[in-house]
């Protein structure tokens, strides 16, 4: 069935995308690898952890080993405009951004995917751990077989109309099996360590932002929920919701960052109980179903647990109410909704809510 079908796969030079390319070739597809280059305009970084010169060379070695074409495209300008500028802007606005989701939204599943379409490829593929399934309603995004490695949280931004054009070969595998496949096949990157960091950061994100924007280090007051001044902060970009360390304030019980007021340049702190909120509001919604149900489960961070919630949609926003109040709801992060294995869609958290929806 796959004979003659062409697939362009995003290759980072890592184990996952390399095994994904090999699996597609073994299935009978005509496969070509493409690597994004981010190193040209990112002159503030000494190197990039992925998509830099080493990663490109590793991807080229794998493609040569597999006997498939390899292409490189410079997306550094797009990375700067669509991902890095937003990353800095959001931190300066007191938000907690998720640049990996923005990279998927704008680069992989927009620029690269559309490039594949223009060149006449039948499919676009990545090495993400998630699945695209088909049922009577059409194509849907689903969790990976390996729940610990599942990356469906990062993929809610895919357009529903593009799901049928995308291949995710690793969705049915766990990470150990993928490693074993790479080793057994003798892939040149079989022993390569997995990258865990944001690709454009060589150091702490606070230093990165401060080096590019002097306003990141403007000090201000740390206050409690009553408005009492308890100390001074080093610049709001240095703080995130739920942060405990680095506050420099002694108190009878542990204190956490519970809010950030960018307009007034304030960091608000409180107890663990003050971290809790009853819900939140979501914008920039991308739905992967016809209509969002009134109840579902939601993840408000990649490593977080799914929590039951009630949902109300008002034109272009969602209001979400937890069944049980949750800690550290962080404006700027993504909320992704699930019905069992299926991803319903998601959006960006804009504010906490405490009452009924």
Protein backbone atom coordinates (compact mmCIF):
# COMPACT_ATOMS: atom_id res chain seq x y z
CA UNK A 1 0.00 0.00 0.00
CA UNK A 2 2.88 2.35 0.72
CA UNK A 3 4.88 1.59 -2.41
CA UNK A 4 5.56 4.79 -4.30
CA UNK A 5 4.28 7.04 -1.50
CA UNK A 6 6.71 9.80 -0.54
CA UNK A 7 7.37 10.99 3.01
CA UNK A 8 9.40 13.98 4.18
CA UNK A 9 10.52 13.46 7.76
CA UNK A 10 11.89 16.09 10.14
CA UNK A 11 15.25 14.78 11.36
CA UNK A 12 17.01 16.34 14.35
CA UNK A 13 20.02 14.04 14.31
CA UNK A 14 18.70 12.18 17.35
CA UNK A 15 17.71 8.57 17.91
CA UNK A 16 13.95 9.06 17.70
CA UNK A 17 13.71 10.76 14.30
CA UNK A 18 16.38 8.42 12.91
CA UNK A 19 14.46 5.30 13.91
CA UNK A 20 11.24 6.87 12.63
CA UNK A 21 12.87 7.40 9.22
CA UNK A 22 14.09 3.80 9.15
CA UNK A 23 10.67 2.42 10.10
CA UNK A 24 9.00 4.41 7.31
CA UNK A 25 11.53 3.12 4.79
CA UNK A 26 10.97 -0.45 5.99
CA UNK A 27 7.24 0.06 5.43
CA UNK A 28 7.91 0.76 1.77
CA UNK A 29 7.76 4.56 1.68
CA UNK A 30 10.15 6.69 -0.37
CA UNK A 31 11.67 8.68 2.50
CA UNK A 32 13.62 11.94 2.51
CA UNK A 33 15.03 13.58 5.65
CA UNK A 34 15.00 17.30 6.34
CA UNK A 35 16.83 19.09 9.14
CA UNK A 36 16.13 22.60 10.35
CA UNK A 37 19.17 24.81 10.86
CA UNK A 38 18.91 27.40 13.64
CA UNK A 39 22.55 28.42 13.87
CA UNK A 40 22.88 31.21 11.32
CA UNK A 41 21.17 34.11 13.10
CA UNK A 42 21.33 32.86 16.69
CA UNK A 43 24.68 34.53 17.23
CA UNK A 44 23.98 35.09 20.94
CA UNK A 45 24.34 31.34 21.48
CA UNK A 46 27.64 29.50 21.29
CA UNK A 47 25.88 26.50 19.81
CA UNK A 48 22.44 25.00 19.56
CA UNK A 49 21.66 21.72 21.27
CA UNK A 50 19.64 20.49 18.31
CA UNK A 51 19.54 21.66 14.71
CA UNK A 52 23.08 23.01 14.96
CA UNK A 53 26.11 21.84 12.99
CA UNK A 54 26.58 18.62 14.98
CA UNK A 55 22.92 17.67 14.69
CA UNK A 56 22.90 18.35 10.95
CA UNK A 57 25.98 16.19 10.50
CA UNK A 58 24.42 13.35 12.54
CA UNK A 59 21.21 13.51 10.49
CA UNK A 60 23.25 13.46 7.27
CA UNK A 61 25.13 10.35 8.47
CA UNK A 62 21.87 8.56 9.25
CA UNK A 63 20.35 9.45 5.88
CA UNK A 64 23.47 8.25 4.11
CA UNK A 65 23.35 5.01 6.12
CA UNK A 66 19.69 4.51 5.20
CA UNK A 67 20.27 5.48 1.58
CA UNK A 68 17.76 8.32 1.58
CA UNK A 69 18.12 11.98 0.52
CA UNK A 70 18.87 14.63 3.17
CA UNK A 71 18.01 18.31 2.99
CA UNK A 72 18.84 21.24 5.26
CA UNK A 73 16.78 24.41 5.52
CA UNK A 74 17.72 27.52 7.47
CA UNK A 75 14.81 28.47 9.74
CA UNK A 76 16.83 30.65 12.10
CA UNK A 77 14.94 33.81 11.07
CA UNK A 78 11.62 32.11 11.68
CA UNK A 79 12.88 30.72 14.98
CA UNK A 80 13.86 34.20 16.11
CA UNK A 81 10.62 35.85 15.01
CA UNK A 82 8.08 33.17 15.91
CA UNK A 83 9.61 31.50 18.95
CA UNK A 84 12.44 33.42 20.64
CA UNK A 85 10.88 36.89 20.55
CA UNK A 86 7.66 35.50 21.99
CA UNK A 87 9.64 33.59 24.64
CA UNK A 88 11.29 36.80 25.83
CA UNK A 89 8.15 38.93 25.51
CA UNK A 90 6.09 36.50 27.58
CA UNK A 91 8.60 36.28 30.40
CA UNK A 92 8.77 40.08 30.54
CA UNK A 93 4.96 40.08 30.74
CA UNK A 94 5.03 37.78 33.75
CA UNK A 95 3.95 34.70 31.77
CA UNK A 96 5.47 31.22 31.56
CA UNK A 97 5.98 30.41 27.86
CA UNK A 98 6.33 27.04 26.19
CA UNK A 99 8.71 27.51 23.23
CA UNK A 100 8.61 23.83 22.20
CA UNK A 101 4.90 24.15 21.45
CA UNK A 102 5.51 27.34 19.45
CA UNK A 103 8.24 25.55 17.49
CA UNK A 104 5.81 22.77 16.62
CA UNK A 105 3.06 25.23 15.78
CA UNK A 106 5.03 27.56 13.51
CA UNK A 107 8.05 25.62 12.27
CA UNK A 108 7.49 21.86 12.12
CA UNK A 109 3.75 21.65 11.50
CA UNK A 110 3.43 24.82 9.46
CA UNK A 111 6.61 25.71 7.55
CA UNK A 112 8.05 22.21 7.14
CA UNK A 113 4.69 20.55 6.60
CA UNK A 114 3.68 23.07 3.95
CA UNK A 115 7.10 22.70 2.34
CA UNK A 116 6.44 18.95 2.05
CA UNK A 117 3.10 19.65 0.38
CA UNK A 118 4.63 22.08 -2.11
CA UNK A 119 7.28 19.54 -3.10
CA UNK A 120 4.63 16.91 -3.77
CA UNK A 121 5.23 14.62 -0.80
CA UNK A 122 2.32 12.43 0.22
CA UNK A 123 3.07 12.70 3.94
CA UNK A 124 5.07 14.63 6.52
CA UNK A 125 6.53 12.75 9.50
CA UNK A 126 8.26 13.41 12.82
CA UNK A 127 9.75 11.31 15.60
CA UNK A 128 7.24 12.43 18.24
CA UNK A 129 5.73 9.86 20.57
CA UNK A 130 2.03 10.16 19.76
CA UNK A 131 -0.45 8.47 17.41
CA UNK A 132 -2.76 9.61 14.65
CA UNK A 133 -5.71 7.27 14.32
CA UNK A 134 -8.71 7.17 12.01
CA UNK A 135 -12.29 6.47 12.98
CA UNK A 136 -15.75 7.25 11.62
CA UNK A 137 -15.28 10.95 12.44
CA UNK A 138 -11.97 11.18 10.55
CA UNK A 139 -8.41 11.44 11.79
CA UNK A 140 -7.67 12.11 15.45
CA UNK A 141 -4.61 12.73 17.61
CA UNK A 142 -4.08 10.18 20.38
CA UNK A 143 -1.61 9.43 23.12
CA UNK A 144 1.46 7.32 22.53
CA UNK A 145 1.61 3.71 23.66
CA UNK A 146 4.37 4.73 26.09
CA UNK A 147 2.60 6.98 28.60
CA UNK A 148 5.89 8.07 30.18
CA UNK A 149 7.20 9.30 26.83
CA UNK A 150 3.89 10.51 25.39
CA UNK A 151 4.33 13.87 23.63
CA UNK A 152 0.75 14.48 22.53
CA UNK A 153 0.67 17.49 24.87
CA UNK A 154 3.05 19.30 22.51
CA UNK A 155 1.07 18.42 19.38
CA UNK A 156 -2.37 19.85 20.12
CA UNK A 157 -1.44 22.80 17.85
CA UNK A 158 -1.60 20.65 14.70
CA UNK A 159 -4.44 21.72 12.43
CA UNK A 160 -7.19 19.14 12.33
CA UNK A 161 -7.21 19.29 8.54
CA UNK A 162 -3.52 18.25 8.47
CA UNK A 163 -3.81 15.12 10.64
CA UNK A 164 -4.31 12.82 7.66
CA UNK A 165 -1.11 14.15 6.06
CA UNK A 166 1.07 13.35 9.09
CA UNK A 167 2.87 10.14 10.07
CA UNK A 168 4.09 9.49 13.64
CA UNK A 169 5.87 6.10 13.39
CA UNK A 170 6.97 5.94 17.05
CA UNK A 171 3.51 6.20 18.59
CA UNK A 172 3.25 2.47 19.19
CA UNK A 173 6.74 2.04 20.70
CA UNK A 174 8.35 2.73 24.06
CA UNK A 175 11.69 4.49 24.34
CA UNK A 176 13.63 1.35 25.31
CA UNK A 177 12.39 -0.48 22.24
CA UNK A 178 13.34 2.45 20.00
CA UNK A 179 16.84 2.42 21.49
CA UNK A 180 17.09 -1.30 20.85
CA UNK A 181 15.92 -0.87 17.26
CA UNK A 182 18.56 1.80 16.67
CA UNK A 183 21.28 -0.37 18.19
CA UNK A 184 20.21 -3.51 16.36
CA UNK A 185 20.16 -1.69 13.03
CA UNK A 186 23.57 -0.15 13.64
CA UNK A 187 22.34 3.43 13.21
CA UNK A 188 25.23 5.92 13.63
CA UNK A 189 23.38 7.77 16.42
CA UNK A 190 22.28 4.69 18.38
CA UNK A 191 24.27 5.68 21.46
CA UNK A 192 23.51 9.40 21.35
CA UNK A 193 22.14 11.02 24.51
CA UNK A 194 18.66 12.47 24.44
CA UNK A 195 18.37 16.26 24.43
CA UNK A 196 16.23 17.57 27.30
CA UNK A 197 16.84 21.29 27.01
CA UNK A 198 15.37 24.12 24.97
CA UNK A 199 17.39 24.13 21.76
CA UNK A 200 18.31 27.82 21.69
CA UNK A 201 19.50 27.99 25.32
CA UNK A 202 23.11 27.40 26.23
CA UNK A 203 22.61 28.57 29.79
CA UNK A 204 19.90 29.49 32.27
CA UNK A 205 16.92 31.15 30.59
CA UNK A 206 17.21 34.09 33.01
CA UNK A 207 20.71 34.89 31.78
CA UNK A 208 19.58 34.40 28.18
CA UNK A 209 16.75 36.93 28.55
CA UNK A 210 18.86 39.41 30.54
CA UNK A 211 21.57 39.38 27.86
CA UNK A 212 19.03 40.25 25.17
CA UNK A 213 16.75 42.62 27.06
CA UNK A 214 17.93 45.02 29.81
CA UNK A 215 14.39 45.34 31.20
CA UNK A 216 14.52 41.74 32.36
CA UNK A 217 16.65 42.79 35.34
CA UNK A 218 14.62 45.75 36.59
CA UNK A 219 14.09 45.13 40.34
CA UNK A 220 10.82 45.65 42.15
CA UNK A 221 8.84 44.72 45.23
CA UNK A 222 7.85 41.29 46.45
CA UNK A 223 4.47 41.50 48.16
CA UNK A 224 1.97 39.18 49.84
CA UNK A 225 -1.68 38.87 48.81
CA UNK A 226 -2.59 41.75 51.13
CA UNK A 227 -0.11 44.04 49.39
CA UNK A 228 2.47 44.10 52.19
CA UNK A 229 6.04 44.51 50.94
CA UNK A 230 8.17 41.56 52.03
CA UNK A 231 11.30 42.02 49.94
CA UNK A 232 12.77 42.91 46.56
CA UNK A 233 12.96 40.88 43.35
CA UNK A 234 15.64 40.91 40.63
CA UNK A 235 13.25 41.37 37.69
CA UNK A 236 10.00 39.55 36.98
CA UNK A 237 11.59 37.48 34.21
CA UNK A 238 13.50 35.64 36.94
CA UNK A 239 10.33 34.23 38.51
CA UNK A 240 7.61 31.74 37.60
CA UNK A 241 4.38 30.66 39.26
CA UNK A 242 5.03 28.00 41.89
CA UNK A 243 8.69 28.97 42.36
CA UNK A 244 9.96 28.50 45.91
CA UNK A 245 13.72 28.94 45.72
CA UNK A 246 15.52 32.25 45.37
CA UNK A 247 12.93 34.45 47.10
CA UNK A 248 15.29 35.47 49.90
CA UNK A 249 12.50 35.83 52.46
CA UNK A 250 12.27 34.11 55.84
CA UNK A 251 8.83 33.04 56.97
CA UNK A 252 7.17 30.59 59.34
CA UNK A 253 6.16 28.32 56.45
CA UNK A 254 7.33 27.79 52.85
CA UNK A 255 6.49 30.61 50.45
CA UNK A 256 5.87 30.36 46.71
CA UNK A 257 5.36 32.73 43.81
CA UNK A 258 1.58 32.88 43.39
CA UNK A 259 1.32 35.72 40.90
CA UNK A 260 3.26 38.23 38.78
CA UNK A 261 2.06 41.75 37.97
CA UNK A 262 4.12 42.91 35.00
CA UNK A 263 2.42 46.33 34.80
CA UNK A 264 3.33 47.22 38.39
CA UNK A 265 6.56 45.17 38.35
CA UNK A 266 5.46 43.11 41.35
CA UNK A 267 6.04 39.50 42.38
CA UNK A 268 3.28 38.17 44.65
CA UNK A 269 4.05 35.37 47.06
CA UNK A 270 2.02 33.23 49.41
CA UNK A 271 1.64 29.85 51.04
CA UNK A 272 1.03 26.52 49.32
CA UNK A 273 -2.69 27.02 49.85
CA UNK A 274 -2.49 30.37 48.05
CA UNK A 275 -1.11 28.57 44.99
CA UNK A 276 -4.41 26.80 44.41
CA UNK A 277 -7.06 28.02 42.00
CA UNK A 278 -10.42 26.70 40.96
CA UNK A 279 -9.84 27.04 37.23
CA UNK A 280 -8.60 29.21 34.39
CA UNK A 281 -9.40 30.85 31.07
CA UNK A 282 -7.93 29.71 27.76
CA UNK A 283 -7.39 31.57 24.47
CA UNK A 284 -5.72 30.71 21.13
CA UNK A 285 -7.79 27.53 21.01
CA UNK A 286 -7.10 24.76 18.52
CA UNK A 287 -9.83 22.12 18.45
CA UNK A 288 -9.26 18.62 17.09
CA UNK A 289 -12.94 17.67 17.49
CA UNK A 290 -16.18 19.18 16.23
CA UNK A 291 -17.09 20.56 19.62
CA UNK A 292 -15.48 20.63 23.04
CA UNK A 293 -17.47 18.56 25.55
CA UNK A 294 -18.73 20.04 28.81
CA UNK A 295 -16.48 17.71 30.82
CA UNK A 296 -13.02 16.27 30.12
CA UNK A 297 -9.58 15.89 31.63
CA UNK A 298 -6.91 18.55 31.28
CA UNK A 299 -3.13 18.81 31.61
CA UNK A 300 -1.79 22.27 32.47
CA UNK A 301 1.88 21.29 32.08
CA UNK A 302 3.68 18.52 30.21
CA UNK A 303 4.77 16.56 33.29
CA UNK A 304 1.55 17.25 35.19
CA UNK A 305 -1.26 14.81 35.85
CA UNK A 306 -4.56 15.02 34.01
CA UNK A 307 -7.29 16.52 36.14
CA UNK A 308 -11.07 16.28 35.70
CA UNK A 309 -12.65 19.57 34.70
CA UNK A 310 -15.79 21.26 33.43
CA UNK A 311 -15.57 23.34 30.27
CA UNK A 312 -17.59 26.20 28.85
CA UNK A 313 -16.85 27.71 25.45
CA UNK A 314 -17.60 31.36 24.74
CA UNK A 315 -16.77 32.19 21.11
CA UNK A 316 -12.95 32.22 21.07
CA UNK A 317 -12.19 31.36 24.70
CA UNK A 318 -12.72 28.46 27.08
CA UNK A 319 -13.44 28.77 30.76
CA UNK A 320 -12.35 25.76 32.75
CA UNK A 321 -13.27 24.74 36.28
CA UNK A 322 -11.39 22.01 38.16
CA UNK A 323 -13.29 19.38 40.09
CA UNK A 324 -10.64 19.86 42.80
CA UNK A 325 -8.60 23.12 43.03
CA UNK A 326 -5.09 22.77 41.61
CA UNK A 327 -1.73 24.37 42.34
CA UNK A 328 0.42 26.55 40.13
CA UNK A 329 -1.87 27.37 37.23
CA UNK A 330 0.57 29.37 35.10
CA UNK A 331 -0.64 31.92 32.53
CA UNK A 332 1.36 31.42 29.32
CA UNK A 333 1.45 27.64 29.62
CA UNK A 334 -0.72 25.38 27.48
CA UNK A 335 -3.82 23.55 28.66
CA UNK A 336 -4.47 20.36 26.67
CA UNK A 337 -7.75 18.46 26.95
CA UNK A 338 -8.23 14.69 26.73
CA UNK A 339 -11.08 12.23 26.43
CA UNK A 340 -9.45 8.93 27.29
CA UNK A 341 -6.65 8.44 24.76
CA UNK A 342 -7.88 11.14 22.40
CA UNK A 343 -6.62 14.72 22.35
CA UNK A 344 -9.58 17.09 22.08
CA UNK A 345 -7.51 20.24 21.58
CA UNK A 346 -5.95 22.92 23.71
CA UNK A 347 -4.98 26.54 24.10
CA UNK A 348 -2.97 29.05 26.11
CA UNK A 349 -3.82 29.81 29.73
CA UNK A 350 -4.43 33.55 30.12
CA UNK A 351 -5.64 33.87 33.71
CA UNK A 352 -6.73 31.96 36.76
CA UNK A 353 -10.35 31.86 37.85
CA UNK A 354 -11.69 31.05 41.27
CA UNK A 355 -15.49 31.04 41.05
CA UNK A 356 -18.02 29.10 39.06
CA UNK A 357 -18.03 29.14 35.25
